[in-house]
């Protein structure tokens, strides 16, 4: 069966197409995965920034309370 070039050539062409489609879909999947990781990291960094801003605001309020307590 595989001795006949009339079978091997079309079979090889079909396998090549399947391989190209598989590689392309894997590449797209990897790009989407990397994009999701990047988006998650950006959200994480934004969350950290907001938490630090809240800590600074809390420290300012506590400082103002301490100053107000000393003056009374």
C-alpha atoms as a PDB file:
ATOM      1  CA  UNK A   1       0.000   0.000   0.000  1.00  0.00           C
ATOM      2  CA  UNK A   2       2.733   2.489   0.951  1.00  0.00           C
ATOM      3  CA  UNK A   3       4.894   1.446  -2.009  1.00  0.00           C
ATOM      4  CA  UNK A   4       2.562   3.294  -4.376  1.00  0.00           C
ATOM      5  CA  UNK A   5       3.434   7.002  -4.809  1.00  0.00           C
ATOM      6  CA  UNK A   6      -0.217   7.612  -5.720  1.00  0.00           C
ATOM      7  CA  UNK A   7      -1.081   6.908  -2.065  1.00  0.00           C
ATOM      8  CA  UNK A   8       1.916   8.422  -0.296  1.00  0.00           C
ATOM      9  CA  UNK A   9       1.823  11.860  -1.975  1.00  0.00           C
ATOM     10  CA  UNK A  10      -1.831  12.684  -1.125  1.00  0.00           C
ATOM     11  CA  UNK A  11      -1.413  11.174   2.341  1.00  0.00           C
ATOM     12  CA  UNK A  12       1.730  13.260   2.898  1.00  0.00           C
ATOM     13  CA  UNK A  13      -0.081  16.394   1.706  1.00  0.00           C
ATOM     14  CA  UNK A  14      -2.966  15.718   4.066  1.00  0.00           C
ATOM     15  CA  UNK A  15      -0.607  15.145   6.988  1.00  0.00           C
ATOM     16  CA  UNK A  16       1.241  18.360   6.164  1.00  0.00           C
ATOM     17  CA  UNK A  17      -2.023  20.341   6.218  1.00  0.00           C
ATOM     18  CA  UNK A  18      -3.016  18.731   9.535  1.00  0.00           C
ATOM     19  CA  UNK A  19       0.414  19.579  10.980  1.00  0.00           C
ATOM     20  CA  UNK A  20       0.222  23.217   9.823  1.00  0.00           C
ATOM     21  CA  UNK A  21      -3.267  23.620  11.300  1.00  0.00           C
ATOM     22  CA  UNK A  22      -2.152  22.052  14.585  1.00  0.00           C
ATOM     23  CA  UNK A  23       0.911  24.302  14.855  1.00  0.00           C
ATOM     24  CA  UNK A  24      -1.139  27.395  14.038  1.00  0.00           C
ATOM     25  CA  UNK A  25      -3.826  26.576  16.578  1.00  0.00           C
ATOM     26  CA  UNK A  26      -1.222  25.820  19.260  1.00  0.00           C
ATOM     27  CA  UNK A  27       0.487  29.148  18.568  1.00  0.00           C
ATOM     28  CA  UNK A  28      -2.821  31.031  18.847  1.00  0.00           C
ATOM     29  CA  UNK A  29      -3.642  29.208  22.062  1.00  0.00           C
ATOM     30  CA  UNK A  30      -0.223  30.107  23.494  1.00  0.00           C
ATOM     31  CA  UNK A  31      -0.688  33.768  22.518  1.00  0.00           C
ATOM     32  CA  UNK A  32      -4.088  33.857  24.250  1.00  0.00           C
ATOM     33  CA  UNK A  33      -2.560  32.243  27.327  1.00  0.00           C
ATOM     34  CA  UNK A  34       0.256  34.808  27.447  1.00  0.00           C
ATOM     35  CA  UNK A  35      -2.253  37.625  26.963  1.00  0.00           C
ATOM     36  CA  UNK A  36      -4.370  36.293  29.835  1.00  0.00           C
ATOM     37  CA  UNK A  37      -1.293  36.119  32.087  1.00  0.00           C
ATOM     38  CA  UNK A  38      -0.333  39.664  31.134  1.00  0.00           C
ATOM     39  CA  UNK A  39      -3.838  40.938  31.865  1.00  0.00           C
ATOM     40  CA  UNK A  40      -3.846  39.143  35.212  1.00  0.00           C
ATOM     41  CA  UNK A  41      -0.471  40.655  36.112  1.00  0.00           C
ATOM     42  CA  UNK A  42      -1.704  44.145  35.193  1.00  0.00           C
ATOM     43  CA  UNK A  43      -4.767  43.670  37.399  1.00  0.00           C
ATOM     44  CA  UNK A  44      -2.539  42.452  40.215  1.00  0.00           C
ATOM     45  CA  UNK A  45      -0.253  45.479  39.894  1.00  0.00           C
ATOM     46  CA  UNK A  46      -3.257  47.820  39.853  1.00  0.00           C
ATOM     47  CA  UNK A  47      -4.614  46.142  42.967  1.00  0.00           C
ATOM     48  CA  UNK A  48      -1.252  46.515  44.740  1.00  0.00           C
ATOM     49  CA  UNK A  49      -1.131  50.204  43.790  1.00  0.00           C
ATOM     50  CA  UNK A  50      -4.628  50.784  45.160  1.00  0.00           C
ATOM     51  CA  UNK A  51      -3.777  48.969  48.396  1.00  0.00           C
ATOM     52  CA  UNK A  52      -0.664  51.134  48.871  1.00  0.00           C
ATOM     53  CA  UNK A  53      -2.726  54.270  48.215  1.00  0.00           C
ATOM     54  CA  UNK A  54      -5.220  53.123  50.845  1.00  0.00           C
ATOM     55  CA  UNK A  55      -2.394  52.475  53.326  1.00  0.00           C
ATOM     56  CA  UNK A  56      -1.006  55.975  52.732  1.00  0.00           C
ATOM     57  CA  UNK A  57      -4.467  57.496  53.180  1.00  0.00           C
ATOM     58  CA  UNK A  58      -4.961  55.510  56.388  1.00  0.00           C
ATOM     59  CA  UNK A  59      -1.588  56.688  57.717  1.00  0.00           C
ATOM     60  CA  UNK A  60      -2.527  60.318  56.932  1.00  0.00           C
ATOM     61  CA  UNK A  61      -5.818  59.966  58.797  1.00  0.00           C
ATOM     62  CA  UNK A  62      -4.117  58.371  61.792  1.00  0.00           C
ATOM     63  CA  UNK A  63      -1.516  61.164  61.810  1.00  0.00           C
ATOM     64  CA  UNK A  64      -4.254  63.814  61.718  1.00  0.00           C
ATOM     65  CA  UNK A  65      -6.072  62.048  64.590  1.00  0.00           C
ATOM     66  CA  UNK A  66      -2.842  61.915  66.604  1.00  0.00           C
ATOM     67  CA  UNK A  67      -2.208  65.640  66.017  1.00  0.00           C
ATOM     68  CA  UNK A  68      -5.813  66.473  66.949  1.00  0.00           C
ATOM     69  CA  UNK A  69      -5.491  64.398  70.148  1.00  0.00           C
ATOM     70  CA  UNK A  70      -2.327  66.217  71.218  1.00  0.00           C
ATOM     71  CA  UNK A  71      -3.817  69.682  70.723  1.00  0.00           C
ATOM     72  CA  UNK A  72      -6.926  68.941  72.821  1.00  0.00           C
END
